[in-house]
Amino acid sequence: MFTGGNKMKRLLFGILLLAFVIVVPIPTMAGVDVSVSIALPPPIVFSAPPEMIVLPETYVYVVPDVDVDIFFYDGWWWRPWEGRWYRS
């Protein structure tokens, strides 16, 4: 059996340990760094709205007489570039 002195020492040690855990903050650090890099096509600038013609039997408009393929469909401008489609 424990004597009264040992019980008091254990109780005091427990209280001090609990106070240390509550009062002394343990620095914790968490961080996440995610980076995604997708090259975008160079912008195409028009000084005025471009001329568009509709592709027969579709709802797709195309901008003729430019060096790149530009389409207009369903409220979006579409452009293929390096194997992907981009819209704006």
N, C-alpha and C. Protein backbone atom coordinates (compact mmCIF):
# COMPACT_ATOMS: atom_id res chain seq x y z
N MET A 1 0.82 -1.19 0.00
CA MET A 1 0.00 0.00 0.00
C MET A 1 0.86 1.25 0.00
N PHE A 2 0.24 2.29 -0.52
CA PHE A 2 0.95 3.56 -0.58
C PHE A 2 0.75 4.31 0.72
N THR A 3 1.76 5.03 1.07
CA THR A 3 1.63 5.86 2.26
C THR A 3 1.03 7.20 1.85
N GLY A 4 0.60 7.94 2.79
CA GLY A 4 -0.02 9.23 2.51
C GLY A 4 0.91 10.16 1.76
N GLY A 5 2.21 10.10 2.02
CA GLY A 5 3.18 10.97 1.35
C GLY A 5 3.30 10.64 -0.13
N ASN A 6 3.29 9.35 -0.47
CA ASN A 6 3.38 8.94 -1.88
C ASN A 6 2.15 9.37 -2.66
N LYS A 7 0.97 9.25 -2.05
CA LYS A 7 -0.25 9.67 -2.72
C LYS A 7 -0.21 11.17 -3.00
N MET A 8 0.28 11.95 -2.04
CA MET A 8 0.35 13.40 -2.23
C MET A 8 1.36 13.75 -3.32
N LYS A 9 2.50 13.04 -3.34
CA LYS A 9 3.51 13.30 -4.37
C LYS A 9 2.95 12.99 -5.75
N ARG A 10 2.24 11.86 -5.88
CA ARG A 10 1.65 11.48 -7.16
C ARG A 10 0.59 12.49 -7.58
N LEU A 11 -0.23 12.92 -6.64
CA LEU A 11 -1.27 13.90 -6.93
C LEU A 11 -0.65 15.22 -7.37
N LEU A 12 0.36 15.66 -6.65
CA LEU A 12 1.05 16.90 -6.99
C LEU A 12 1.72 16.78 -8.35
N PHE A 13 2.36 15.66 -8.63
CA PHE A 13 3.00 15.44 -9.93
C PHE A 13 1.96 15.46 -11.06
N GLY A 14 0.82 14.82 -10.84
CA GLY A 14 -0.25 14.81 -11.84
C GLY A 14 -0.79 16.21 -12.11
N ILE A 15 -0.96 16.99 -11.04
CA ILE A 15 -1.47 18.37 -11.20
C ILE A 15 -0.45 19.22 -11.94
N LEU A 16 0.83 19.09 -11.59
CA LEU A 16 1.87 19.85 -12.29
C LEU A 16 1.97 19.46 -13.76
N LEU A 17 1.87 18.18 -14.04
CA LEU A 17 1.93 17.71 -15.42
C LEU A 17 0.74 18.25 -16.21
N LEU A 18 -0.44 18.20 -15.64
CA LEU A 18 -1.64 18.72 -16.30
C LEU A 18 -1.51 20.23 -16.52
N ALA A 19 -1.01 20.96 -15.53
CA ALA A 19 -0.83 22.40 -15.66
C ALA A 19 0.20 22.71 -16.75
N PHE A 20 1.25 21.92 -16.83
CA PHE A 20 2.28 22.12 -17.85
C PHE A 20 1.70 21.92 -19.25
N VAL A 21 0.89 20.90 -19.39
CA VAL A 21 0.29 20.61 -20.70
C VAL A 21 -0.69 21.70 -21.10
N ILE A 22 -1.45 22.23 -20.16
CA ILE A 22 -2.45 23.25 -20.47
C ILE A 22 -1.80 24.61 -20.68
N VAL A 23 -0.84 24.97 -19.83
CA VAL A 23 -0.27 26.31 -19.84
C VAL A 23 0.80 26.47 -20.92
N VAL A 24 1.65 25.50 -21.09
CA VAL A 24 2.76 25.61 -22.03
C VAL A 24 2.29 25.11 -23.40
N PRO A 25 2.11 26.02 -24.35
CA PRO A 25 1.66 25.57 -25.67
C PRO A 25 2.77 24.82 -26.40
N ILE A 26 2.38 23.79 -27.05
CA ILE A 26 3.33 23.01 -27.85
C ILE A 26 3.25 23.55 -29.27
N PRO A 27 4.35 24.07 -29.78
CA PRO A 27 4.29 24.65 -31.12
C PRO A 27 4.02 23.55 -32.15
N THR A 28 3.00 23.79 -32.92
CA THR A 28 2.68 22.88 -34.01
C THR A 28 2.61 23.70 -35.28
N MET A 29 3.02 23.09 -36.35
CA MET A 29 3.00 23.79 -37.61
C MET A 29 2.51 22.83 -38.68
N ALA A 30 1.55 23.29 -39.43
CA ALA A 30 1.07 22.52 -40.56
C ALA A 30 0.99 23.44 -41.75
N GLY A 31 1.36 22.94 -42.87
CA GLY A 31 1.31 23.75 -44.07
C GLY A 31 1.16 22.88 -45.30
N VAL A 32 0.49 23.43 -46.25
CA VAL A 32 0.31 22.74 -47.53
C VAL A 32 0.66 23.73 -48.62
N ASP A 33 1.44 23.30 -49.57
CA ASP A 33 1.80 24.14 -50.69
C ASP A 33 1.60 23.35 -51.97
N VAL A 34 0.62 23.77 -52.75
CA VAL A 34 0.31 23.09 -54.00
C VAL A 34 0.50 24.09 -55.12
N SER A 35 1.19 23.70 -56.15
CA SER A 35 1.42 24.58 -57.28
C SER A 35 1.09 23.84 -58.56
N VAL A 36 0.23 24.45 -59.36
CA VAL A 36 -0.13 23.88 -60.65
C VAL A 36 0.17 24.92 -61.70
N SER A 37 0.93 24.55 -62.69
CA SER A 37 1.31 25.49 -63.72
C SER A 37 0.81 24.97 -65.08
N ILE A 38 -0.09 25.73 -65.67
CA ILE A 38 -0.63 25.38 -66.98
C ILE A 38 -0.36 26.56 -67.89
N ALA A 39 0.36 26.31 -68.96
CA ALA A 39 0.65 27.38 -69.90
C ALA A 39 -0.61 27.73 -70.68
N LEU A 40 -0.92 29.00 -70.73
CA LEU A 40 -2.09 29.46 -71.47
C LEU A 40 -1.67 29.94 -72.85
N PRO A 41 -2.58 29.86 -73.80
CA PRO A 41 -2.23 30.35 -75.13
C PRO A 41 -2.07 31.87 -75.12
N PRO A 42 -1.28 32.38 -76.03
CA PRO A 42 -1.13 33.83 -76.08
C PRO A 42 -2.46 34.48 -76.46
N PRO A 43 -2.74 35.66 -75.93
CA PRO A 43 -4.01 36.30 -76.24
C PRO A 43 -4.10 36.74 -77.70
N ILE A 44 -5.31 36.75 -78.19
CA ILE A 44 -5.59 37.25 -79.53
C ILE A 44 -6.42 38.51 -79.35
N VAL A 45 -5.92 39.62 -79.86
CA VAL A 45 -6.57 40.90 -79.64
C VAL A 45 -7.15 41.40 -80.96
N PHE A 46 -8.41 41.80 -80.90
CA PHE A 46 -9.08 42.41 -82.04
C PHE A 46 -9.38 43.86 -81.70
N SER A 47 -9.20 44.74 -82.66
CA SER A 47 -9.52 46.15 -82.42
C SER A 47 -11.02 46.41 -82.47
N ALA A 48 -11.74 45.51 -83.12
CA ALA A 48 -13.20 45.60 -83.21
C ALA A 48 -13.73 44.17 -83.21
N PRO A 49 -15.01 43.98 -82.97
CA PRO A 49 -15.55 42.61 -83.03
C PRO A 49 -15.25 41.99 -84.39
N PRO A 50 -14.76 40.75 -84.38
CA PRO A 50 -14.36 40.14 -85.66
C PRO A 50 -15.58 39.71 -86.48
N GLU A 51 -15.35 39.61 -87.76
CA GLU A 51 -16.38 39.06 -88.65
C GLU A 51 -16.51 37.57 -88.34
N MET A 52 -17.74 37.08 -88.30
CA MET A 52 -17.96 35.66 -88.03
C MET A 52 -18.89 35.09 -89.07
N ILE A 53 -18.68 33.83 -89.40
CA ILE A 53 -19.60 33.13 -90.28
C ILE A 53 -20.03 31.84 -89.59
N VAL A 54 -21.26 31.43 -89.83
CA VAL A 54 -21.78 30.22 -89.20
C VAL A 54 -21.38 29.01 -90.04
N LEU A 55 -20.98 27.95 -89.37
CA LEU A 55 -20.71 26.71 -90.08
C LEU A 55 -22.06 26.10 -90.46
N PRO A 56 -22.21 25.67 -91.70
CA PRO A 56 -23.51 25.16 -92.15
C PRO A 56 -24.03 24.02 -91.26
N GLU A 57 -25.32 24.08 -90.98
CA GLU A 57 -26.05 23.07 -90.21
C GLU A 57 -25.55 22.90 -88.78
N THR A 58 -24.97 23.98 -88.22
CA THR A 58 -24.51 23.94 -86.82
C THR A 58 -24.88 25.27 -86.17
N TYR A 59 -24.57 25.38 -84.90
CA TYR A 59 -24.70 26.63 -84.17
C TYR A 59 -23.32 27.20 -83.85
N VAL A 60 -22.32 26.77 -84.61
CA VAL A 60 -20.94 27.16 -84.38
C VAL A 60 -20.56 28.26 -85.37
N TYR A 61 -19.99 29.33 -84.81
CA TYR A 61 -19.49 30.42 -85.65
C TYR A 61 -17.98 30.33 -85.68
N VAL A 62 -17.39 30.70 -86.80
CA VAL A 62 -15.95 30.68 -86.97
C VAL A 62 -15.50 32.07 -87.40
N VAL A 63 -14.28 32.43 -86.98
CA VAL A 63 -13.70 33.71 -87.38
C VAL A 63 -12.78 33.44 -88.56
N PRO A 64 -13.16 33.91 -89.75
CA PRO A 64 -12.31 33.67 -90.92
C PRO A 64 -11.15 34.67 -90.98
N ASP A 65 -10.22 34.39 -91.85
CA ASP A 65 -9.11 35.30 -92.16
C ASP A 65 -8.22 35.64 -90.97
N VAL A 66 -8.02 34.69 -90.06
CA VAL A 66 -7.02 34.85 -88.99
C VAL A 66 -6.13 33.62 -89.02
N ASP A 67 -4.96 33.75 -88.44
CA ASP A 67 -3.97 32.66 -88.50
C ASP A 67 -4.27 31.50 -87.55
N VAL A 68 -5.18 31.68 -86.60
CA VAL A 68 -5.50 30.63 -85.63
C VAL A 68 -6.98 30.27 -85.74
N ASP A 69 -7.34 29.10 -85.26
CA ASP A 69 -8.74 28.68 -85.27
C ASP A 69 -9.45 29.28 -84.06
N ILE A 70 -10.49 30.05 -84.31
CA ILE A 70 -11.29 30.65 -83.25
C ILE A 70 -12.75 30.39 -83.57
N PHE A 71 -13.46 29.85 -82.56
CA PHE A 71 -14.86 29.52 -82.74
C PHE A 71 -15.70 30.19 -81.66
N PHE A 72 -16.97 30.41 -81.97
CA PHE A 72 -17.91 30.93 -80.99
C PHE A 72 -19.09 29.97 -80.95
N TYR A 73 -19.39 29.46 -79.73
CA TYR A 73 -20.50 28.52 -79.58
C TYR A 73 -21.06 28.62 -78.17
N ASP A 74 -22.36 28.71 -78.07
CA ASP A 74 -23.07 28.67 -76.80
C ASP A 74 -22.57 29.74 -75.81
N GLY A 75 -22.25 30.93 -76.34
CA GLY A 75 -21.83 32.03 -75.47
C GLY A 75 -20.36 32.05 -75.11
N TRP A 76 -19.56 31.15 -75.65
CA TRP A 76 -18.14 31.06 -75.33
C TRP A 76 -17.29 31.15 -76.59
N TRP A 77 -16.13 31.75 -76.46
CA TRP A 77 -15.12 31.70 -77.50
C TRP A 77 -14.25 30.48 -77.25
N TRP A 78 -13.98 29.71 -78.28
CA TRP A 78 -13.20 28.48 -78.16
C TRP A 78 -11.97 28.56 -79.04
N ARG A 79 -10.87 27.96 -78.54
CA ARG A 79 -9.63 27.95 -79.30
C ARG A 79 -8.83 26.69 -78.97
N PRO A 80 -8.47 25.90 -79.99
CA PRO A 80 -7.56 24.78 -79.73
C PRO A 80 -6.12 25.31 -79.69
N TRP A 81 -5.35 24.77 -78.73
CA TRP A 81 -3.95 25.17 -78.62
C TRP A 81 -3.16 24.06 -77.93
N GLU A 82 -2.14 23.58 -78.57
CA GLU A 82 -1.26 22.52 -78.06
C GLU A 82 -2.04 21.32 -77.53
N GLY A 83 -3.02 20.87 -78.30
CA GLY A 83 -3.75 19.65 -77.96
C GLY A 83 -4.87 19.83 -76.95
N ARG A 84 -5.17 21.05 -76.54
CA ARG A 84 -6.24 21.31 -75.57
C ARG A 84 -7.17 22.39 -76.14
N TRP A 85 -8.39 22.40 -75.61
CA TRP A 85 -9.35 23.43 -75.98
C TRP A 85 -9.43 24.45 -74.85
N TYR A 86 -9.40 25.71 -75.21
CA TYR A 86 -9.52 26.79 -74.24
C TYR A 86 -10.76 27.61 -74.59
N ARG A 87 -11.44 28.08 -73.57
CA ARG A 87 -12.61 28.91 -73.80
C ARG A 87 -12.53 30.18 -72.98
N SER A 88 -13.20 31.18 -73.48
CA SER A 88 -13.24 32.46 -72.75
C SER A 88 -14.56 33.14 -73.01
